[in-house]
Amino acid sequence: MELNVGPFSLRCAGVTGVCTLPGWRGRGLMSALLREGIDDIDRRRLPLSLLKGMRHRYRRFGFEDGGRRLGLVLHRRRFPDPGWSDEQVVHVAGLGASTQLVPGFCERLLAVQKRYLGRALRSLSAQRAMISRRGVHTYYVERAGDAAYALAGDWEGPHLDDGFLPEEEGGTRGKLYEVAGDPRLALQLLGFLMRKGSGSLQALVSPCLSGFERRLWERAERQFLSPAGMIRIHDLAGLLTAYTPWWKTRFRSGADSLVLVMEDKVGGSQAVEMVWNRRDVRVRRLDAPPAGAEGNVIRADRWNWVQALFGPLDVEAALGYSPHARRLRELLPLPFWPPRLEQV
């Protein structure tokens, strides 16, 4: 898939789920399947893969927590009840295949995305599958030519994003998966959702706030940080080369060079030479670190490089054992906030 990250895009793979039938568990099938997928990604020379959810048992396959999302706790005291009746808001409860959809409803949601976000987040069939997922509640409102919608879920609902805080007290909805539309109307819709009791919602957004997300951040009862997901670096040179458009927009204070080595006892080490000045950055794949260059080499395993390139630690903290780590601080686009796989 093509992953858009700020001013550049990146080809990568998404691991959405690995499952084994109950009667066949404990035989190593999941491990074999995942290893075959990793080998396939390596053969395609894709630079990284993103694992949906925080599945820490996959660390033994090279996946590590990475990136950073901003979590918001929204409370009804800062989102006034607009006074709407239930009949003024279209509510669709996800029940799987038996979900009752109003004709043209998914098309309306895509129209809202295109109008207010500038693009459709997913295809028509994917949108239908999204709102039909059991435990997802979709709310849609139109007023005076404007429109907005929100996707929310109970605490027992699907884990579209892991990383929420423990359950808050009060309210029938706990997770805000997505909201889009006219900003004024969208804020009123959130007030409608939290109008009963001491309701609250948690939302996960990127640290690079959009205009509407900034309004949510300003009204949030509190904020917290959460990892963006689990990331596996497959091709270090390919990953760094993809950053070239980003580097063209960034100022660098001087010239320097380093050799970066990603050590892997199982899959073999990878080495990359980086040379940069104020005008450009050059990346060159190496078969091995050049002889006599130990003074300009940073060695780390795949886990450390995930942290250094994507956060939540900055590069100097992630590679603090290396005296050269601070020399990379002008090069790495921290933090990394990939969209949910449903939005890719």
Protein backbone atom coordinates (compact mmCIF):
# COMPACT_ATOMS: atom_id res chain seq x y z
CA MET A 1 0.00 0.00 0.00
CA GLU A 2 0.97 3.65 -0.38
CA LEU A 3 1.39 5.43 2.94
CA ASN A 4 1.25 9.23 2.86
CA VAL A 5 3.42 10.81 5.55
CA GLY A 6 3.38 14.60 5.35
CA PRO A 7 5.18 15.75 2.18
CA PHE A 8 6.26 12.27 1.02
CA SER A 9 4.75 8.85 0.41
CA LEU A 10 6.10 5.43 1.20
CA ARG A 11 5.40 1.95 -0.14
CA CYS A 12 4.85 -0.47 2.73
CA ALA A 13 2.91 -3.53 3.84
CA GLY A 14 0.10 -3.71 6.37
CA VAL A 15 -0.38 -6.72 8.64
CA THR A 16 -4.04 -6.60 9.64
CA GLY A 17 -4.56 -9.97 11.27
CA VAL A 18 -3.02 -13.40 11.78
CA CYS A 19 -5.39 -16.12 13.02
CA THR A 20 -5.39 -19.89 13.50
CA LEU A 21 -8.46 -22.13 13.79
CA PRO A 22 -8.81 -23.36 17.40
CA GLY A 23 -8.22 -27.01 16.52
CA TRP A 24 -4.93 -26.22 14.80
CA ARG A 25 -3.33 -23.95 17.40
CA GLY A 26 -0.04 -24.76 19.10
CA ARG A 27 1.56 -26.23 15.96
CA GLY A 28 3.58 -23.20 14.86
CA LEU A 29 1.30 -22.34 11.94
CA MET A 30 0.92 -18.67 12.88
CA SER A 31 4.69 -18.28 13.19
CA ALA A 32 5.27 -19.98 9.84
CA LEU A 33 2.64 -17.84 8.12
CA LEU A 34 4.03 -14.63 9.55
CA ARG A 35 7.61 -15.55 8.65
CA GLU A 36 6.52 -16.31 5.09
CA GLY A 37 4.84 -12.90 4.93
CA ILE A 38 8.00 -11.21 6.21
CA ASP A 39 10.08 -13.05 3.61
CA ASP A 40 7.65 -11.94 0.89
CA ILE A 41 7.96 -8.30 2.01
CA ASP A 42 11.75 -8.63 1.94
CA ARG A 43 11.64 -10.07 -1.58
CA ARG A 44 9.52 -7.11 -2.71
CA ARG A 45 12.09 -4.74 -1.14
CA LEU A 46 9.39 -2.87 0.78
CA PRO A 47 11.04 -0.75 3.49
CA LEU A 48 8.68 -1.45 6.37
CA SER A 49 5.48 -3.10 7.55
CA LEU A 50 2.86 -1.82 9.99
CA LEU A 51 1.11 -4.20 12.34
CA LYS A 52 -2.43 -3.26 13.29
CA GLY A 53 -2.84 -3.18 17.06
CA MET A 54 -0.36 -3.39 19.92
CA ARG A 55 0.40 -7.12 19.76
CA HIS A 56 3.53 -7.35 21.82
CA ARG A 57 3.98 -11.09 21.19
CA TYR A 58 5.12 -10.13 17.68
CA ARG A 59 8.25 -8.45 19.00
CA ARG A 60 10.11 -11.70 18.45
CA PHE A 61 9.43 -11.20 14.73
CA GLY A 62 11.00 -7.74 14.71
CA PHE A 63 7.93 -5.56 15.36
CA GLU A 64 8.30 -2.79 17.92
CA ASP A 65 6.13 -0.01 19.31
CA GLY A 66 6.78 3.10 17.29
CA GLY A 67 5.41 6.46 16.32
CA ARG A 68 3.27 8.64 18.51
CA ARG A 69 -0.40 9.51 18.69
CA LEU A 70 -1.98 12.22 20.77
CA GLY A 71 -4.85 11.00 22.92
CA LEU A 72 -7.66 13.34 23.96
CA VAL A 73 -10.21 12.87 26.72
CA LEU A 74 -13.30 14.88 25.79
CA HIS A 75 -15.91 15.63 28.47
CA ARG A 76 -19.47 16.91 28.11
CA ARG A 77 -18.79 19.99 30.26
CA ARG A 78 -16.83 21.50 27.35
CA PHE A 79 -19.19 20.31 24.62
CA PRO A 80 -22.65 21.82 25.24
CA ASP A 81 -25.75 19.83 24.37
CA PRO A 82 -27.18 21.35 21.17
CA GLY A 83 -30.70 20.42 22.24
CA TRP A 84 -31.40 18.16 19.26
CA SER A 85 -33.99 15.41 19.45
CA ASP A 86 -33.02 11.83 18.59
CA GLU A 87 -35.06 12.12 15.39
CA GLN A 88 -32.79 14.90 14.09
CA VAL A 89 -29.72 12.64 14.02
CA VAL A 90 -29.39 9.51 11.87
CA HIS A 91 -28.00 6.69 14.02
CA VAL A 92 -26.70 3.43 12.50
CA ALA A 93 -25.69 0.67 14.91
CA GLY A 94 -23.16 -1.81 13.51
CA LEU A 95 -24.53 -5.35 13.77
CA GLY A 96 -22.42 -7.14 11.20
CA ALA A 97 -24.25 -8.55 8.17
CA SER A 98 -27.64 -7.59 9.65
CA THR A 99 -26.80 -3.85 9.91
CA GLN A 100 -29.70 -1.71 8.69
CA LEU A 101 -28.36 0.96 6.33
CA VAL A 102 -30.40 3.87 5.00
CA PRO A 103 -30.17 3.91 1.16
CA GLY A 104 -27.33 6.21 0.09
CA PHE A 105 -26.00 6.54 3.64
CA CYS A 106 -22.43 5.47 2.86
CA GLU A 107 -22.37 7.84 -0.13
CA ARG A 108 -23.27 10.70 2.22
CA LEU A 109 -20.33 9.90 4.49
CA LEU A 110 -17.92 9.82 1.56
CA ALA A 111 -19.32 13.15 0.35
CA VAL A 112 -18.61 14.65 3.79
CA GLN A 113 -15.03 13.35 3.67
CA LYS A 114 -14.43 14.79 0.20
CA ARG A 115 -15.97 18.16 1.06
CA TYR A 116 -14.36 18.76 4.45
CA LEU A 117 -11.21 16.58 4.39
CA GLY A 118 -10.36 16.97 0.72
CA ARG A 119 -10.44 13.24 -0.08
CA ALA A 120 -12.38 10.06 0.60
CA LEU A 121 -10.79 8.07 3.41
CA ARG A 122 -11.85 4.71 1.97
CA SER A 123 -13.79 3.08 -0.84
CA LEU A 124 -17.57 2.70 -0.81
CA SER A 125 -17.37 -0.99 0.06
CA ALA A 126 -14.79 -0.34 2.80
CA GLN A 127 -16.99 2.43 4.24
CA ARG A 128 -19.94 0.05 4.33
CA ALA A 129 -17.82 -2.57 6.09
CA MET A 130 -16.50 0.03 8.55
CA ILE A 131 -19.89 1.22 9.81
CA SER A 132 -21.36 -2.30 9.74
CA ARG A 133 -18.70 -3.60 12.11
CA ARG A 134 -20.31 -4.88 15.28
CA GLY A 135 -20.02 -2.32 18.09
CA VAL A 136 -19.46 0.71 15.83
CA HIS A 137 -22.13 3.44 16.05
CA THR A 138 -22.39 6.05 13.30
CA TYR A 139 -24.15 9.39 13.84
CA TYR A 140 -24.94 11.72 10.95
CA VAL A 141 -26.57 15.16 10.96
CA GLU A 142 -27.46 17.77 8.33
CA ARG A 143 -28.43 21.35 9.14
CA ALA A 144 -28.67 24.44 6.90
CA GLY A 145 -26.72 22.88 4.05
CA ASP A 146 -23.88 21.59 6.26
CA ALA A 147 -23.22 18.03 7.40
CA ALA A 148 -21.11 16.12 9.92
CA TYR A 149 -20.76 12.57 11.14
CA ALA A 150 -19.02 10.70 13.96
CA LEU A 151 -18.06 7.06 14.51
CA ALA A 152 -18.09 6.01 18.15
CA GLY A 153 -17.90 2.75 20.05
CA ASP A 154 -18.55 1.21 23.43
CA TRP A 155 -15.60 0.14 25.53
CA GLU A 156 -16.39 -3.42 24.51
CA GLY A 157 -16.44 -2.37 20.83
CA PRO A 158 -13.80 -3.19 18.22
CA HIS A 159 -10.21 -2.16 18.82
CA LEU A 160 -9.74 -0.04 15.72
CA ASP A 161 -7.00 1.75 17.64
CA ASP A 162 -5.29 0.28 20.68
CA GLY A 163 -3.74 2.82 23.00
CA PHE A 164 -6.75 4.34 24.77
CA LEU A 165 -6.60 5.01 28.49
CA PRO A 166 -8.49 2.67 30.84
CA GLU A 167 -12.26 3.05 30.75
CA GLU A 168 -13.69 6.37 31.91
CA GLU A 169 -16.78 6.47 34.11
CA GLY A 170 -20.14 7.57 32.74
CA GLY A 171 -21.66 7.73 29.28
CA THR A 172 -22.76 5.00 26.91
CA ARG A 173 -20.00 5.61 24.35
CA GLY A 174 -16.31 5.61 25.25
CA LYS A 175 -14.26 5.69 22.04
CA LEU A 176 -14.45 8.28 19.28
CA TYR A 177 -13.02 6.56 16.21
CA GLU A 178 -13.61 9.31 13.65
CA VAL A 179 -15.34 12.66 13.20
CA ALA A 180 -15.61 14.80 10.07
CA GLY A 181 -17.73 17.58 8.64
CA ASP A 182 -18.50 21.23 9.21
CA PRO A 183 -16.47 22.14 12.34
CA ARG A 184 -19.31 23.93 14.16
CA LEU A 185 -21.76 21.13 13.41
CA ALA A 186 -19.21 18.44 14.31
CA LEU A 187 -18.63 20.02 17.74
CA GLN A 188 -22.38 20.12 18.32
CA LEU A 189 -22.64 16.47 17.29
CA LEU A 190 -20.07 15.54 19.94
CA GLY A 191 -22.12 17.46 22.49
CA PHE A 192 -25.15 15.42 21.38
CA LEU A 193 -23.22 12.17 21.94
CA MET A 194 -22.11 13.14 25.46
CA ARG A 195 -25.35 14.81 26.58
CA LYS A 196 -26.42 12.14 29.08
CA GLY A 197 -24.87 11.69 32.53
CA SER A 198 -21.18 12.56 32.85
CA GLY A 199 -20.37 11.17 29.42
CA SER A 200 -16.89 11.38 27.96
CA LEU A 201 -15.13 10.22 24.81
CA GLN A 202 -11.53 9.36 24.06
CA ALA A 203 -10.02 10.07 20.66
CA LEU A 204 -6.60 9.37 19.14
CA VAL A 205 -5.26 11.93 16.64
CA SER A 206 -1.93 12.72 15.02
CA PRO A 207 0.46 15.14 16.79
CA CYS A 208 0.32 17.17 13.55
CA LEU A 209 -3.10 18.61 14.37
CA SER A 210 -5.55 19.60 11.65
CA GLY A 211 -7.63 22.71 12.22
CA PHE A 212 -10.53 20.74 13.66
CA GLU A 213 -8.29 18.47 15.76
CA ARG A 214 -6.72 21.58 17.27
CA ARG A 215 -10.18 22.70 18.39
CA LEU A 216 -10.68 19.31 20.04
CA TRP A 217 -7.24 19.56 21.68
CA GLU A 218 -8.10 23.01 23.07
CA ARG A 219 -11.36 21.69 24.55
CA ALA A 220 -9.97 18.39 25.82
CA GLU A 221 -10.28 17.65 29.51
CA ARG A 222 -6.79 16.12 29.36
CA GLN A 223 -4.27 14.74 26.88
CA PHE A 224 -2.04 11.67 26.79
CA LEU A 225 0.48 10.06 24.40
CA SER A 226 0.09 6.63 22.83
CA PRO A 227 2.26 4.64 20.38
CA ALA A 228 1.02 4.80 16.78
CA GLY A 229 1.37 1.07 16.25
CA MET A 230 3.93 -1.69 15.78
CA ILE A 231 6.50 -1.23 13.03
CA ARG A 232 9.06 -3.56 11.46
CA ILE A 233 11.90 -2.10 9.40
CA HIS A 234 12.72 -4.41 6.48
CA ASP A 235 14.99 -2.28 4.28
CA LEU A 236 16.86 0.50 6.08
CA ALA A 237 18.34 2.04 2.91
CA GLY A 238 14.97 2.04 1.12
CA LEU A 239 13.28 3.61 4.13
CA LEU A 240 15.82 6.42 4.44
CA THR A 241 15.74 7.09 0.69
CA ALA A 242 11.98 7.63 0.90
CA TYR A 243 12.63 10.63 3.18
CA THR A 244 14.32 12.59 0.36
CA PRO A 245 11.29 14.87 -0.36
CA TRP A 246 11.03 15.64 3.35
CA TRP A 247 14.72 16.56 3.60
CA LYS A 248 14.33 19.01 0.71
CA THR A 249 11.97 21.08 2.90
CA ARG A 250 14.23 21.09 5.98
CA PHE A 251 17.15 23.33 6.89
CA ARG A 252 20.41 21.72 8.01
CA SER A 253 23.06 23.65 9.89
CA GLY A 254 26.09 22.01 8.26
CA ALA A 255 27.66 19.01 6.51
CA ASP A 256 28.39 15.58 7.97
CA SER A 257 28.44 11.86 7.19
CA LEU A 258 27.71 8.65 9.08
CA VAL A 259 27.39 4.94 8.47
CA LEU A 260 24.26 3.40 10.02
CA VAL A 261 24.23 -0.33 10.72
CA MET A 262 21.08 -2.29 11.60
CA GLU A 263 22.26 -5.51 13.21
CA ASP A 264 20.20 -8.69 12.92
CA LYS A 265 21.63 -12.05 13.99
CA VAL A 266 18.94 -13.97 12.08
CA GLY A 267 18.38 -11.97 8.88
CA GLY A 268 21.81 -10.43 8.48
CA SER A 269 22.97 -6.87 9.10
CA GLN A 270 22.25 -3.90 6.83
CA ALA A 271 24.56 -0.92 6.36
CA VAL A 272 23.80 2.53 4.93
CA GLU A 273 26.06 5.50 4.34
CA MET A 274 24.49 8.94 4.75
CA VAL A 275 26.23 12.08 3.52
CA TRP A 276 24.57 15.46 3.90
CA ASN A 277 25.08 19.18 3.63
CA ARG A 278 22.81 22.21 3.68
CA ARG A 279 21.51 21.48 0.17
CA ASP A 280 20.85 17.75 0.05
CA VAL A 281 21.10 14.34 1.71
CA ARG A 282 22.50 11.28 -0.06
CA VAL A 283 21.83 7.68 0.97
CA ARG A 284 23.95 4.78 -0.29
CA ARG A 285 23.38 1.10 0.44
CA LEU A 286 26.56 -0.70 1.62
CA ASP A 287 27.38 -4.38 1.58
CA ALA A 288 29.20 -3.86 4.89
CA PRO A 289 30.57 -0.94 6.91
CA PRO A 290 33.72 0.38 5.21
CA ALA A 291 37.00 -0.59 6.82
CA GLY A 292 38.42 2.00 9.17
CA ALA A 293 35.14 3.88 9.50
CA GLU A 294 34.31 2.76 13.02
CA GLY A 295 34.64 6.33 14.25
CA ASN A 296 31.62 7.35 12.13
CA VAL A 297 29.44 4.26 12.60
CA ILE A 298 26.25 3.89 14.62
CA ARG A 299 25.31 0.27 15.30
CA ALA A 300 21.91 -0.70 16.66
CA ASP A 301 19.40 -3.52 16.29
CA ARG A 302 16.07 -3.26 14.49
CA TRP A 303 14.22 -2.36 17.70
CA ASN A 304 16.50 0.61 18.43
CA TRP A 305 16.20 1.92 14.87
CA VAL A 306 12.39 1.81 15.05
CA GLN A 307 12.54 4.03 18.13
CA ALA A 308 15.18 6.33 16.62
CA LEU A 309 13.38 6.86 13.32
CA PHE A 310 9.75 6.87 14.44
CA GLY A 311 9.66 7.76 18.14
CA PRO A 312 8.22 8.09 20.71
CA LEU A 313 11.86 8.66 21.84
CA ASP A 314 13.97 11.11 19.88
CA VAL A 315 17.08 9.76 18.17
CA GLU A 316 19.51 10.85 20.89
CA ALA A 317 17.48 9.12 23.58
CA ALA A 318 16.93 5.97 21.50
CA LEU A 319 20.62 5.68 20.57
CA GLY A 320 22.01 7.27 23.71
CA TYR A 321 24.85 4.75 23.95
CA SER A 322 26.32 6.16 20.70
CA PRO A 323 28.30 9.41 20.82
CA HIS A 324 27.16 10.12 17.22
CA ALA A 325 23.40 9.97 17.85
CA ARG A 326 23.01 13.73 18.25
CA ARG A 327 24.43 14.24 14.73
CA LEU A 328 21.27 12.62 13.28
CA ARG A 329 18.79 14.91 15.03
CA GLU A 330 18.41 17.23 12.03
CA LEU A 331 17.63 14.34 9.68
CA LEU A 332 14.92 12.18 11.21
CA PRO A 333 11.27 13.28 10.90
CA LEU A 334 10.11 12.59 14.44
CA PRO A 335 7.35 11.90 15.27
CA PHE A 336 5.79 9.36 12.91
CA TRP A 337 2.01 9.12 12.84
CA PRO A 338 0.74 6.62 10.27
CA PRO A 339 -3.04 6.70 9.75
CA ARG A 340 -5.09 3.74 10.83
CA LEU A 341 -5.03 0.96 8.28
CA GLU A 342 -8.77 1.56 7.71
CA GLN A 343 -7.83 5.00 6.34
CA VAL A 344 -4.94 3.92 4.08
